[in-house]
Amino acid sequence: MINRCTLAGITLISALSLGIGAEAADTVFPDDVIVDGSLCTGLDCVENEAFGSTTIRIKENNTRIDFVDTSISSGFATRDWRIEANVLGANGAERFAILDMGNDNSDGDGTGNALLTLMAGAPANAMVLGADGNLGLGTDAPERRLSLVGSDTPTIRLEQDDSESPARIWDLGADHKQFFVRDITGNNKRPFRIRAGAPSSSLEINKSGRVGIGVASPKANLHVAGSVRLAGVDGCSAGIRSAGNGKLSCITSSRQFKIVTGDLSPEVARANIMALRPQTGAYKQTPDTPEHWLIAEEVAAVDPAFVGLKDEKPYTVKMQNIVADLIAVVQEQQRRIEALERELAQ
């Protein structure tokens, strides 16, 4: 009885005998082929190849496996693929790659497009796909859909080439001190940074586009919890004004910025103050917060100098102007009081 190994040996000897003195012919096995042992294929396999624990070995200077799909039926996939170790030729890349070979690689000479490339020398756990579908870069235990682990500022690079638009490079990075966005093209500037240890809701943007700073549920376009400091308008003890273009600046009191036309008439000031109508209510965005106020439209009817305009309509009340009228009224009242006291003293 001829066993499997004996049959394989007879077949191999026959194939070698046919090749002596003539070009070796292809050997075709018209049935399943089972190798009870290890297999070496390639021009550099040798007799008594030392396999160790290897089951299949590809051994020569051009190691690749092609998948050539011969489907011809309509609607069937026909793409050809290749697994390749190292690029053939001098200075070829030391890599392991999966290539898309297109729809006709039957002759095995196509170059293809490398879709997945693993370069020689990559560190351990360079890329790990966990059982739960999480992808780890630099870790064998990815905790999220994408886990990026490194010993010194793990960073993601976003790079737009100049094929359609101007080139630009951005980095997203983090370390033990911060999370940041770096504009590489813009001289490595960091326009956005979050320091480690920042409290919850340091910056919140809700679905309406409102921004909260220290506020989880902003009630205005900009809602800030705590104090606010505006660079460029520090030291504005008299207040801050907004120009028509929205630029903020200090309310200046120096004579060098003013055209003084004379003293405010006490009669005009008294008439203005007496005509003002203080009211109570609440802003529509904060209906639960009671307010005491003056209405810009009503104040404008008393004296246009009391209001600021937006789109040529009354919008804000200039409280510093009202204070000036109040001072004039108080001074006039004090002069009358002093005059009456002098009369009573006689």
C-alpha atoms as a PDB file:
ATOM      1  CA  MET A   1       0.000   0.000   0.000  1.00  0.00           C
ATOM      2  CA  ILE A   2       1.443   3.390  -1.035  1.00  0.00           C
ATOM      3  CA  ASN A   3       0.982   6.033   1.648  1.00  0.00           C
ATOM      4  CA  ARG A   4       0.565   9.809   1.103  1.00  0.00           C
ATOM      5  CA  CYS A   5       4.251  10.680   1.692  1.00  0.00           C
ATOM      6  CA  THR A   6       5.419   7.907  -0.697  1.00  0.00           C
ATOM      7  CA  LEU A   7       3.048   9.165  -3.420  1.00  0.00           C
ATOM      8  CA  ALA A   8       4.301  12.729  -2.953  1.00  0.00           C
ATOM      9  CA  GLY A   9       7.892  11.508  -3.225  1.00  0.00           C
ATOM     10  CA  ILE A  10       7.182   9.534  -6.417  1.00  0.00           C
ATOM     11  CA  THR A  11       5.447  12.556  -7.934  1.00  0.00           C
ATOM     12  CA  LEU A  12       8.338  14.861  -7.047  1.00  0.00           C
ATOM     13  CA  ILE A  13      10.968  12.408  -8.416  1.00  0.00           C
ATOM     14  CA  SER A  14       8.974  12.048 -11.630  1.00  0.00           C
ATOM     15  CA  ALA A  15       8.730  15.805 -12.007  1.00  0.00           C
ATOM     16  CA  LEU A  16      12.501  16.197 -11.500  1.00  0.00           C
ATOM     17  CA  SER A  17      13.266  13.387 -13.949  1.00  0.00           C
ATOM     18  CA  LEU A  18      11.188  14.995 -16.661  1.00  0.00           C
ATOM     19  CA  GLY A  19      13.113  18.239 -16.117  1.00  0.00           C
ATOM     20  CA  ILE A  20      16.621  16.718 -16.629  1.00  0.00           C
ATOM     21  CA  GLY A  21      18.133  17.958 -19.876  1.00  0.00           C
ATOM     22  CA  ALA A  22      15.042  19.893 -20.841  1.00  0.00           C
ATOM     23  CA  GLU A  23      12.987  22.843 -19.647  1.00  0.00           C
ATOM     24  CA  ALA A  24      11.030  21.704 -16.583  1.00  0.00           C
ATOM     25  CA  ALA A  25       7.341  21.305 -17.322  1.00  0.00           C
ATOM     26  CA  ASP A  26       4.561  22.523 -15.010  1.00  0.00           C
ATOM     27  CA  THR A  27       3.184  19.858 -12.731  1.00  0.00           C
ATOM     28  CA  VAL A  28      -0.580  19.766 -12.561  1.00  0.00           C
ATOM     29  CA  PHE A  29      -2.417  17.890  -9.827  1.00  0.00           C
ATOM     30  CA  PRO A  30      -5.974  17.226 -11.065  1.00  0.00           C
ATOM     31  CA  ASP A  31      -7.182  16.667  -7.504  1.00  0.00           C
ATOM     32  CA  ASP A  32      -6.838  18.126  -4.023  1.00  0.00           C
ATOM     33  CA  VAL A  33      -3.261  18.375  -2.773  1.00  0.00           C
ATOM     34  CA  ILE A  34      -2.536  17.780   0.890  1.00  0.00           C
ATOM     35  CA  VAL A  35       0.953  18.295   2.271  1.00  0.00           C
ATOM     36  CA  ASP A  36       1.422  16.422   5.520  1.00  0.00           C
ATOM     37  CA  GLY A  37       4.179  18.701   6.806  1.00  0.00           C
ATOM     38  CA  SER A  38       5.601  22.104   5.926  1.00  0.00           C
ATOM     39  CA  LEU A  39       5.684  23.678   2.450  1.00  0.00           C
ATOM     40  CA  CYS A  40       8.384  25.868   0.910  1.00  0.00           C
ATOM     41  CA  THR A  41       7.796  27.549  -2.424  1.00  0.00           C
ATOM     42  CA  GLY A  42      10.153  29.796  -4.332  1.00  0.00           C
ATOM     43  CA  LEU A  43      13.448  29.660  -6.228  1.00  0.00           C
ATOM     44  CA  ASP A  44      15.595  29.583  -3.110  1.00  0.00           C
ATOM     45  CA  CYS A  45      14.028  26.624  -1.291  1.00  0.00           C
ATOM     46  CA  VAL A  46      16.647  23.960  -0.539  1.00  0.00           C
ATOM     47  CA  GLU A  47      16.723  20.302   0.258  1.00  0.00           C
ATOM     48  CA  ASN A  48      16.230  19.643   3.967  1.00  0.00           C
ATOM     49  CA  GLU A  49      14.836  23.146   4.471  1.00  0.00           C
ATOM     50  CA  ALA A  50      14.764  23.922   8.179  1.00  0.00           C
ATOM     51  CA  PHE A  51      11.155  24.877   8.817  1.00  0.00           C
ATOM     52  CA  GLY A  52      11.069  24.997  12.588  1.00  0.00           C
ATOM     53  CA  SER A  53       7.438  25.781  13.460  1.00  0.00           C
ATOM     54  CA  THR A  54       6.732  27.336  10.044  1.00  0.00           C
ATOM     55  CA  THR A  55       3.972  25.699   8.015  1.00  0.00           C
ATOM     56  CA  ILE A  56       4.258  27.636   4.737  1.00  0.00           C
ATOM     57  CA  ARG A  57       7.355  29.512   3.533  1.00  0.00           C
ATOM     58  CA  ILE A  58       7.818  31.693   0.457  1.00  0.00           C
ATOM     59  CA  LYS A  59      11.508  31.980  -0.217  1.00  0.00           C
ATOM     60  CA  GLU A  60      13.205  33.980  -2.985  1.00  0.00           C
ATOM     61  CA  ASN A  61      14.031  37.596  -3.912  1.00  0.00           C
ATOM     62  CA  ASN A  62      10.502  38.395  -5.076  1.00  0.00           C
ATOM     63  CA  THR A  63       7.968  37.294  -2.477  1.00  0.00           C
ATOM     64  CA  ARG A  64       4.333  37.916  -3.254  1.00  0.00           C
ATOM     65  CA  ILE A  65       0.948  36.207  -3.438  1.00  0.00           C
ATOM     66  CA  ASP A  66      -1.540  37.186  -6.159  1.00  0.00           C
ATOM     67  CA  PHE A  67      -5.307  36.741  -6.013  1.00  0.00           C
ATOM     68  CA  VAL A  68      -6.532  36.747  -9.637  1.00  0.00           C
ATOM     69  CA  ASP A  69     -10.315  36.719  -9.959  1.00  0.00           C
ATOM     70  CA  THR A  70     -11.398  35.121 -13.262  1.00  0.00           C
ATOM     71  CA  SER A  71     -15.115  35.840 -12.893  1.00  0.00           C
ATOM     72  CA  ILE A  72     -16.828  36.725 -16.182  1.00  0.00           C
ATOM     73  CA  SER A  73     -20.501  36.700 -15.182  1.00  0.00           C
ATOM     74  CA  SER A  74     -22.244  40.053 -15.079  1.00  0.00           C
ATOM     75  CA  GLY A  75     -22.343  41.595 -11.614  1.00  0.00           C
ATOM     76  CA  PHE A  76     -19.597  39.397 -10.201  1.00  0.00           C
ATOM     77  CA  ALA A  77     -16.552  40.970  -8.542  1.00  0.00           C
ATOM     78  CA  THR A  78     -13.410  40.803 -10.719  1.00  0.00           C
ATOM     79  CA  ARG A  79     -10.823  42.759  -8.757  1.00  0.00           C
ATOM     80  CA  ASP A  80      -7.323  41.307  -8.416  1.00  0.00           C
ATOM     81  CA  TRP A  81      -5.280  41.666  -5.226  1.00  0.00           C
ATOM     82  CA  ARG A  82      -1.738  41.048  -4.026  1.00  0.00           C
ATOM     83  CA  ILE A  83       0.061  40.457  -0.759  1.00  0.00           C
ATOM     84  CA  GLU A  84       3.645  41.628  -1.140  1.00  0.00           C
ATOM     85  CA  ALA A  85       6.694  41.537   1.113  1.00  0.00           C
ATOM     86  CA  ASN A  86       9.278  44.180   0.139  1.00  0.00           C
ATOM     87  CA  VAL A  87       9.476  46.129  -3.113  1.00  0.00           C
ATOM     88  CA  LEU A  88      11.435  44.447  -5.919  1.00  0.00           C
ATOM     89  CA  GLY A  89      14.650  46.110  -7.098  1.00  0.00           C
ATOM     90  CA  ALA A  90      17.514  48.159  -5.704  1.00  0.00           C
ATOM     91  CA  ASN A  91      16.547  50.492  -2.844  1.00  0.00           C
ATOM     92  CA  GLY A  92      13.096  48.919  -2.705  1.00  0.00           C
ATOM     93  CA  ALA A  93      11.089  49.641   0.415  1.00  0.00           C
ATOM     94  CA  GLU A  94      11.243  47.166   3.295  1.00  0.00           C
ATOM     95  CA  ARG A  95       7.530  46.692   3.756  1.00  0.00           C
ATOM     96  CA  PHE A  96       4.588  44.328   3.950  1.00  0.00           C
ATOM     97  CA  ALA A  97       1.664  45.522   1.824  1.00  0.00           C
ATOM     98  CA  ILE A  98      -1.762  44.675   0.450  1.00  0.00           C
ATOM     99  CA  LEU A  99      -2.165  46.000  -3.093  1.00  0.00           C
ATOM    100  CA  ASP A 100      -5.154  46.635  -5.333  1.00  0.00           C
ATOM    101  CA  MET A 101      -4.046  45.179  -8.680  1.00  0.00           C
ATOM    102  CA  GLY A 102      -7.025  46.344 -10.750  1.00  0.00           C
ATOM    103  CA  ASN A 103      -9.050  44.067 -13.003  1.00  0.00           C
ATOM    104  CA  ASP A 104      -6.355  42.349 -15.057  1.00  0.00           C
ATOM    105  CA  ASN A 105      -3.299  41.017 -13.303  1.00  0.00           C
ATOM    106  CA  SER A 106      -3.377  37.613 -14.958  1.00  0.00           C
ATOM    107  CA  ASP A 107       0.270  37.905 -16.052  1.00  0.00           C
ATOM    108  CA  GLY A 108       1.446  38.873 -12.552  1.00  0.00           C
ATOM    109  CA  ASP A 109       3.393  41.913 -13.780  1.00  0.00           C
ATOM    110  CA  GLY A 110       1.071  44.649 -12.505  1.00  0.00           C
ATOM    111  CA  THR A 111       2.345  47.154  -9.961  1.00  0.00           C
ATOM    112  CA  GLY A 112      -0.948  47.991  -8.240  1.00  0.00           C
ATOM    113  CA  ASN A 113      -1.749  50.531  -5.541  1.00  0.00           C
ATOM    114  CA  ALA A 114      -0.649  49.810  -1.995  1.00  0.00           C
ATOM    115  CA  LEU A 115      -3.741  50.241   0.209  1.00  0.00           C
ATOM    116  CA  LEU A 116      -2.229  48.975   3.467  1.00  0.00           C
ATOM    117  CA  THR A 117       1.489  49.221   4.191  1.00  0.00           C
ATOM    118  CA  LEU A 118       3.460  48.075   7.232  1.00  0.00           C
ATOM    119  CA  MET A 119       7.037  49.366   7.193  1.00  0.00           C
ATOM    120  CA  ALA A 120       9.934  47.332   8.556  1.00  0.00           C
ATOM    121  CA  GLY A 121      11.074  48.368  12.012  1.00  0.00           C
ATOM    122  CA  ALA A 122       7.678  49.610  13.172  1.00  0.00           C
ATOM    123  CA  PRO A 123       7.369  49.354  16.968  1.00  0.00           C
ATOM    124  CA  ALA A 124       5.401  46.677  18.761  1.00  0.00           C
ATOM    125  CA  ASN A 125       1.637  47.248  18.803  1.00  0.00           C
ATOM    126  CA  ALA A 126       1.963  49.856  16.039  1.00  0.00           C
ATOM    127  CA  MET A 127      -1.587  48.914  15.033  1.00  0.00           C
ATOM    128  CA  VAL A 128      -3.913  46.577  16.938  1.00  0.00           C
ATOM    129  CA  LEU A 129      -7.567  45.858  16.156  1.00  0.00           C
ATOM    130  CA  GLY A 130      -9.253  44.637  19.322  1.00  0.00           C
ATOM    131  CA  ALA A 131     -11.968  42.007  19.539  1.00  0.00           C
ATOM    132  CA  ASP A 132     -14.526  44.778  20.158  1.00  0.00           C
ATOM    133  CA  GLY A 133     -13.528  46.636  16.981  1.00  0.00           C
ATOM    134  CA  ASN A 134     -11.453  49.271  18.786  1.00  0.00           C
ATOM    135  CA  LEU A 135      -8.330  50.301  16.915  1.00  0.00           C
ATOM    136  CA  GLY A 136      -5.152  50.890  18.871  1.00  0.00           C
ATOM    137  CA  LEU A 137      -2.106  52.773  17.633  1.00  0.00           C
ATOM    138  CA  GLY A 138       0.777  52.128  19.990  1.00  0.00           C
ATOM    139  CA  THR A 139      -1.273  49.964  22.357  1.00  0.00           C
ATOM    140  CA  ASP A 140      -2.410  46.338  22.478  1.00  0.00           C
ATOM    141  CA  ALA A 141      -5.464  47.225  24.586  1.00  0.00           C
ATOM    142  CA  PRO A 142      -7.405  50.002  22.801  1.00  0.00           C
ATOM    143  CA  GLU A 143     -10.115  51.418  25.068  1.00  0.00           C
ATOM    144  CA  ARG A 144     -11.956  53.478  22.433  1.00  0.00           C
ATOM    145  CA  ARG A 145     -12.792  53.214  18.733  1.00  0.00           C
ATOM    146  CA  LEU A 146      -9.435  54.877  18.155  1.00  0.00           C
ATOM    147  CA  SER A 147      -6.820  54.806  20.919  1.00  0.00           C
ATOM    148  CA  LEU A 148      -3.564  56.642  20.275  1.00  0.00           C
ATOM    149  CA  VAL A 149      -0.837  55.925  22.820  1.00  0.00           C
ATOM    150  CA  GLY A 150       2.674  57.362  22.920  1.00  0.00           C
ATOM    151  CA  SER A 151       5.305  58.268  25.498  1.00  0.00           C
ATOM    152  CA  ASP A 152       5.762  61.869  24.311  1.00  0.00           C
ATOM    153  CA  THR A 153       2.840  64.011  23.085  1.00  0.00           C
ATOM    154  CA  PRO A 154       0.750  61.635  20.928  1.00  0.00           C
ATOM    155  CA  THR A 155      -0.387  63.686  17.940  1.00  0.00           C
ATOM    156  CA  ILE A 156      -2.707  63.434  14.949  1.00  0.00           C
ATOM    157  CA  ARG A 157      -1.693  65.307  11.803  1.00  0.00           C
ATOM    158  CA  LEU A 158      -4.229  66.766   9.328  1.00  0.00           C
ATOM    159  CA  GLU A 159      -2.471  67.749   6.119  1.00  0.00           C
ATOM    160  CA  GLN A 160      -4.011  69.260   2.990  1.00  0.00           C
ATOM    161  CA  ASP A 161      -1.754  69.066  -0.040  1.00  0.00           C
ATOM    162  CA  ASP A 162      -1.664  71.680  -2.800  1.00  0.00           C
ATOM    163  CA  SER A 163      -3.282  69.565  -5.513  1.00  0.00           C
ATOM    164  CA  GLU A 164      -6.551  71.567  -5.372  1.00  0.00           C
ATOM    165  CA  SER A 165      -6.091  74.259  -2.721  1.00  0.00           C
ATOM    166  CA  PRO A 166      -3.194  75.890  -0.851  1.00  0.00           C
ATOM    167  CA  ALA A 167      -1.363  73.434   1.367  1.00  0.00           C
ATOM    168  CA  ARG A 168      -1.970  73.594   5.127  1.00  0.00           C
ATOM    169  CA  ILE A 169      -0.885  71.401   8.017  1.00  0.00           C
ATOM    170  CA  TRP A 170      -2.560  71.151  11.424  1.00  0.00           C
ATOM    171  CA  ASP A 171      -1.748  68.971  14.430  1.00  0.00           C
ATOM    172  CA  LEU A 172      -4.022  67.777  17.225  1.00  0.00           C
ATOM    173  CA  GLY A 173      -1.916  66.792  20.197  1.00  0.00           C
ATOM    174  CA  ALA A 174      -1.957  66.199  23.909  1.00  0.00           C
ATOM    175  CA  ASP A 175       0.466  65.645  26.763  1.00  0.00           C
ATOM    176  CA  HIS A 176       0.432  65.773  30.561  1.00  0.00           C
ATOM    177  CA  LYS A 177      -0.049  69.551  30.507  1.00  0.00           C
ATOM    178  CA  GLN A 178      -2.504  70.276  27.699  1.00  0.00           C
ATOM    179  CA  PHE A 179      -4.627  69.416  24.674  1.00  0.00           C
ATOM    180  CA  PHE A 180      -3.897  71.682  21.741  1.00  0.00           C
ATOM    181  CA  VAL A 181      -4.374  72.534  18.072  1.00  0.00           C
ATOM    182  CA  ARG A 182      -1.147  73.558  16.357  1.00  0.00           C
ATOM    183  CA  ASP A 183      -0.960  75.425  13.047  1.00  0.00           C
ATOM    184  CA  ILE A 184       2.209  73.915  11.605  1.00  0.00           C
ATOM    185  CA  THR A 185       2.096  76.019   8.446  1.00  0.00           C
ATOM    186  CA  GLY A 186       1.544  79.132  10.554  1.00  0.00           C
ATOM    187  CA  ASN A 187       4.868  78.980  12.401  1.00  0.00           C
ATOM    188  CA  ASN A 188       3.645  76.342  14.871  1.00  0.00           C
ATOM    189  CA  LYS A 189       1.160  78.712  16.516  1.00  0.00           C
ATOM    190  CA  ARG A 190      -1.338  77.198  18.956  1.00  0.00           C
ATOM    191  CA  PRO A 191      -4.658  79.023  18.492  1.00  0.00           C
ATOM    192  CA  PHE A 192      -6.552  76.611  20.759  1.00  0.00           C
ATOM    193  CA  ARG A 193      -5.416  74.996  23.997  1.00  0.00           C
ATOM    194  CA  ILE A 194      -7.048  73.283  27.000  1.00  0.00           C
ATOM    195  CA  ARG A 195      -4.900  73.036  30.100  1.00  0.00           C
ATOM    196  CA  ALA A 196      -4.903  69.810  32.106  1.00  0.00           C
ATOM    197  CA  GLY A 197      -7.231  70.023  35.093  1.00  0.00           C
ATOM    198  CA  ALA A 198      -9.640  72.533  33.552  1.00  0.00           C
ATOM    199  CA  PRO A 199     -13.060  72.227  35.246  1.00  0.00           C
ATOM    200  CA  SER A 200     -16.156  70.805  33.597  1.00  0.00           C
ATOM    201  CA  SER A 201     -18.072  73.199  31.345  1.00  0.00           C
ATOM    202  CA  SER A 202     -15.055  75.459  30.958  1.00  0.00           C
ATOM    203  CA  LEU A 203     -16.371  75.968  27.438  1.00  0.00           C
ATOM    204  CA  GLU A 204     -19.845  74.878  26.327  1.00  0.00           C
ATOM    205  CA  ILE A 205     -21.604  75.451  22.986  1.00  0.00           C
ATOM    206  CA  ASN A 206     -25.237  74.389  22.969  1.00  0.00           C
ATOM    207  CA  LYS A 207     -27.385  73.393  19.990  1.00  0.00           C
ATOM    208  CA  SER A 208     -28.482  77.015  19.517  1.00  0.00           C
ATOM    209  CA  GLY A 209     -24.905  78.178  19.179  1.00  0.00           C
ATOM    210  CA  ARG A 210     -24.823  79.870  22.568  1.00  0.00           C
ATOM    211  CA  VAL A 211     -21.457  79.841  24.281  1.00  0.00           C
ATOM    212  CA  GLY A 212     -21.049  79.211  27.975  1.00  0.00           C
ATOM    213  CA  ILE A 213     -17.832  79.857  29.876  1.00  0.00           C
ATOM    214  CA  GLY A 214     -18.082  78.058  33.180  1.00  0.00           C
ATOM    215  CA  VAL A 215     -21.795  77.529  32.417  1.00  0.00           C
ATOM    216  CA  ALA A 216     -23.265  74.187  31.334  1.00  0.00           C
ATOM    217  CA  SER A 217     -26.493  75.692  29.952  1.00  0.00           C
ATOM    218  CA  PRO A 218     -25.806  79.167  28.538  1.00  0.00           C
ATOM    219  CA  LYS A 219     -28.843  81.450  28.517  1.00  0.00           C
ATOM    220  CA  ALA A 220     -27.363  84.055  26.145  1.00  0.00           C
ATOM    221  CA  ASN A 221     -25.135  84.119  23.076  1.00  0.00           C
ATOM    222  CA  LEU A 222     -22.247  84.507  25.521  1.00  0.00           C
ATOM    223  CA  HIS A 223     -22.908  83.463  29.104  1.00  0.00           C
ATOM    224  CA  VAL A 224     -20.003  83.818  31.520  1.00  0.00           C
ATOM    225  CA  ALA A 225     -19.868  82.640  35.114  1.00  0.00           C
ATOM    226  CA  GLY A 226     -17.509  84.835  37.084  1.00  0.00           C
ATOM    227  CA  SER A 227     -15.502  87.890  36.170  1.00  0.00           C
ATOM    228  CA  VAL A 228     -14.573  88.977  32.643  1.00  0.00           C
ATOM    229  CA  ARG A 229     -11.397  90.750  31.548  1.00  0.00           C
ATOM    230  CA  LEU A 230     -11.198  92.401  28.130  1.00  0.00           C
ATOM    231  CA  ALA A 231      -7.697  93.094  26.853  1.00  0.00           C
ATOM    232  CA  GLY A 232      -7.354  96.575  25.365  1.00  0.00           C
ATOM    233  CA  VAL A 233     -10.111  98.109  27.489  1.00  0.00           C
ATOM    234  CA  ASP A 234      -8.558  97.742  30.925  1.00  0.00           C
ATOM    235  CA  GLY A 235      -8.789 100.634  33.362  1.00  0.00           C
ATOM    236  CA  CYS A 236     -12.190 101.774  32.058  1.00  0.00           C
ATOM    237  CA  SER A 237     -13.426 103.149  35.351  1.00  0.00           C
ATOM    238  CA  ALA A 238     -15.988 105.299  33.544  1.00  0.00           C
ATOM    239  CA  GLY A 239     -17.392 102.310  31.658  1.00  0.00           C
ATOM    240  CA  ILE A 240     -17.126 100.642  28.259  1.00  0.00           C
ATOM    241  CA  ARG A 241     -18.750 101.811  25.044  1.00  0.00           C
ATOM    242  CA  SER A 242     -19.494  99.942  21.839  1.00  0.00           C
ATOM    243  CA  ALA A 243     -18.935 101.737  18.560  1.00  0.00           C
ATOM    244  CA  GLY A 244     -21.203 101.272  15.552  1.00  0.00           C
ATOM    245  CA  ASN A 245     -18.840  98.599  14.190  1.00  0.00           C
ATOM    246  CA  GLY A 246     -19.066  96.651  17.459  1.00  0.00           C
ATOM    247  CA  LYS A 247     -15.595  97.602  18.678  1.00  0.00           C
ATOM    248  CA  LEU A 248     -15.375  98.029  22.437  1.00  0.00           C
ATOM    249  CA  SER A 249     -13.456 100.873  24.016  1.00  0.00           C
ATOM    250  CA  CYS A 250     -13.295 102.813  27.259  1.00  0.00           C
ATOM    251  CA  ILE A 251     -15.710 105.658  27.882  1.00  0.00           C
ATOM    252  CA  THR A 252     -13.188 108.460  27.979  1.00  0.00           C
ATOM    253  CA  SER A 253     -13.551 111.519  30.206  1.00  0.00           C
ATOM    254  CA  SER A 254     -10.427 113.430  29.267  1.00  0.00           C
ATOM    255  CA  ARG A 255     -10.946 116.873  27.740  1.00  0.00           C
ATOM    256  CA  GLN A 256      -8.567 115.907  24.923  1.00  0.00           C
ATOM    257  CA  PHE A 257     -11.265 113.673  23.457  1.00  0.00           C
ATOM    258  CA  LYS A 258     -14.180 116.108  23.794  1.00  0.00           C
ATOM    259  CA  ILE A 259     -15.623 119.239  22.248  1.00  0.00           C
ATOM    260  CA  VAL A 260     -16.978 121.181  25.261  1.00  0.00           C
ATOM    261  CA  THR A 261     -19.739 123.650  24.386  1.00  0.00           C
ATOM    262  CA  GLY A 262     -20.674 124.892  27.905  1.00  0.00           C
ATOM    263  CA  ASP A 263     -22.349 124.054  31.214  1.00  0.00           C
ATOM    264  CA  LEU A 264     -25.481 121.927  31.320  1.00  0.00           C
ATOM    265  CA  SER A 265     -28.521 124.062  32.108  1.00  0.00           C
ATOM    266  CA  PRO A 266     -30.084 123.042  35.469  1.00  0.00           C
ATOM    267  CA  GLU A 267     -33.530 123.718  34.004  1.00  0.00           C
ATOM    268  CA  VAL A 268     -32.877 121.338  31.064  1.00  0.00           C
ATOM    269  CA  ALA A 269     -31.416 118.709  33.403  1.00  0.00           C
ATOM    270  CA  ARG A 270     -34.368 118.981  35.813  1.00  0.00           C
ATOM    271  CA  ALA A 271     -36.883 118.701  32.983  1.00  0.00           C
ATOM    272  CA  ASN A 272     -35.084 115.638  31.609  1.00  0.00           C
ATOM    273  CA  ILE A 273     -34.901 113.861  34.968  1.00  0.00           C
ATOM    274  CA  MET A 274     -38.535 114.549  35.748  1.00  0.00           C
ATOM    275  CA  ALA A 275     -39.590 113.237  32.339  1.00  0.00           C
ATOM    276  CA  LEU A 276     -37.842 109.888  32.714  1.00  0.00           C
ATOM    277  CA  ARG A 277     -40.084 106.967  33.608  1.00  0.00           C
ATOM    278  CA  PRO A 278     -38.326 104.163  35.545  1.00  0.00           C
ATOM    279  CA  GLN A 279     -39.994 100.762  35.060  1.00  0.00           C
ATOM    280  CA  THR A 280     -39.721  97.161  36.238  1.00  0.00           C
ATOM    281  CA  GLY A 281     -39.815  93.899  34.323  1.00  0.00           C
ATOM    282  CA  ALA A 282     -37.531  91.138  33.041  1.00  0.00           C
ATOM    283  CA  TYR A 283     -35.566  90.388  29.894  1.00  0.00           C
ATOM    284  CA  LYS A 284     -37.220  87.878  27.555  1.00  0.00           C
ATOM    285  CA  GLN A 285     -34.215  85.571  27.705  1.00  0.00           C
ATOM    286  CA  THR A 286     -34.180  85.629  31.527  1.00  0.00           C
ATOM    287  CA  PRO A 287     -37.851  85.997  32.505  1.00  0.00           C
ATOM    288  CA  ASP A 288     -37.229  84.905  36.108  1.00  0.00           C
ATOM    289  CA  THR A 289     -34.742  87.692  36.833  1.00  0.00           C
ATOM    290  CA  PRO A 290     -36.444  90.977  37.877  1.00  0.00           C
ATOM    291  CA  GLU A 291     -34.973  94.220  36.539  1.00  0.00           C
ATOM    292  CA  HIS A 292     -35.343  97.979  37.142  1.00  0.00           C
ATOM    293  CA  TRP A 293     -34.663 100.004  34.025  1.00  0.00           C
ATOM    294  CA  LEU A 294     -35.314 102.740  31.530  1.00  0.00           C
ATOM    295  CA  ILE A 295     -36.636 102.011  28.030  1.00  0.00           C
ATOM    296  CA  ALA A 296     -34.366 103.346  25.271  1.00  0.00           C
ATOM    297  CA  GLU A 297     -37.202 104.421  22.990  1.00  0.00           C
ATOM    298  CA  GLU A 298     -38.887 106.412  25.785  1.00  0.00           C
ATOM    299  CA  VAL A 299     -35.598 107.944  26.933  1.00  0.00           C
ATOM    300  CA  ALA A 300     -34.809 109.054  23.373  1.00  0.00           C
ATOM    301  CA  ALA A 301     -38.073 110.999  23.344  1.00  0.00           C
ATOM    302  CA  VAL A 302     -36.889 112.883  26.462  1.00  0.00           C
ATOM    303  CA  ASP A 303     -33.408 113.724  25.139  1.00  0.00           C
ATOM    304  CA  PRO A 304     -31.567 112.012  22.225  1.00  0.00           C
ATOM    305  CA  ALA A 305     -28.298 112.545  24.125  1.00  0.00           C
ATOM    306  CA  PHE A 306     -29.406 109.838  26.555  1.00  0.00           C
ATOM    307  CA  VAL A 307     -29.400 106.916  24.061  1.00  0.00           C
ATOM    308  CA  GLY A 308     -27.107 104.977  21.771  1.00  0.00           C
ATOM    309  CA  LEU A 309     -28.380 103.946  18.350  1.00  0.00           C
ATOM    310  CA  LYS A 310     -28.309 100.711  16.374  1.00  0.00           C
ATOM    311  CA  ASP A 311     -29.486 100.809  12.768  1.00  0.00           C
ATOM    312  CA  GLU A 312     -30.408 104.446  13.498  1.00  0.00           C
ATOM    313  CA  LYS A 313     -32.893 103.372  16.187  1.00  0.00           C
ATOM    314  CA  PRO A 314     -32.685 103.782  20.018  1.00  0.00           C
ATOM    315  CA  TYR A 315     -30.912 100.715  21.418  1.00  0.00           C
ATOM    316  CA  THR A 316     -29.058 101.541  24.644  1.00  0.00           C
ATOM    317  CA  VAL A 317     -29.334 104.086  27.437  1.00  0.00           C
ATOM    318  CA  LYS A 318     -26.199 106.158  28.066  1.00  0.00           C
ATOM    319  CA  MET A 319     -26.247 106.126  31.831  1.00  0.00           C
ATOM    320  CA  GLN A 320     -23.213 108.434  32.102  1.00  0.00           C
ATOM    321  CA  ASN A 321     -25.234 111.172  30.373  1.00  0.00           C
ATOM    322  CA  ILE A 322     -28.142 110.676  32.746  1.00  0.00           C
ATOM    323  CA  VAL A 323     -25.720 110.866  35.681  1.00  0.00           C
ATOM    324  CA  ALA A 324     -24.535 114.243  34.392  1.00  0.00           C
ATOM    325  CA  ASP A 325     -28.124 115.530  34.420  1.00  0.00           C
ATOM    326  CA  LEU A 326     -28.656 114.112  37.913  1.00  0.00           C
ATOM    327  CA  ILE A 327     -25.537 115.946  39.149  1.00  0.00           C
ATOM    328  CA  ALA A 328     -26.804 119.199  37.661  1.00  0.00           C
ATOM    329  CA  VAL A 329     -30.206 118.711  39.351  1.00  0.00           C
ATOM    330  CA  VAL A 330     -28.636 117.840  42.724  1.00  0.00           C
ATOM    331  CA  GLN A 331     -26.309 120.824  42.551  1.00  0.00           C
ATOM    332  CA  GLU A 332     -29.200 123.169  41.759  1.00  0.00           C
ATOM    333  CA  GLN A 333     -31.236 121.695  44.602  1.00  0.00           C
ATOM    334  CA  GLN A 334     -28.287 122.152  46.980  1.00  0.00           C
ATOM    335  CA  ARG A 335     -27.914 125.789  45.965  1.00  0.00           C
ATOM    336  CA  ARG A 336     -31.607 126.351  46.714  1.00  0.00           C
ATOM    337  CA  ILE A 337     -31.296 124.580  50.076  1.00  0.00           C
ATOM    338  CA  GLU A 338     -28.345 126.703  51.045  1.00  0.00           C
ATOM    339  CA  ALA A 339     -30.188 129.883  49.961  1.00  0.00           C
ATOM    340  CA  LEU A 340     -33.210 128.925  52.072  1.00  0.00           C
ATOM    341  CA  GLU A 341     -31.009 128.189  55.046  1.00  0.00           C
ATOM    342  CA  ARG A 342     -29.422 131.629  54.781  1.00  0.00           C
ATOM    343  CA  GLU A 343     -32.884 133.268  54.686  1.00  0.00           C
ATOM    344  CA  LEU A 344     -33.978 131.343  57.760  1.00  0.00           C
ATOM    345  CA  ALA A 345     -30.821 132.286  59.600  1.00  0.00           C
ATOM    346  CA  GLN A 346     -31.494 136.061  59.198  1.00  0.00           C
END
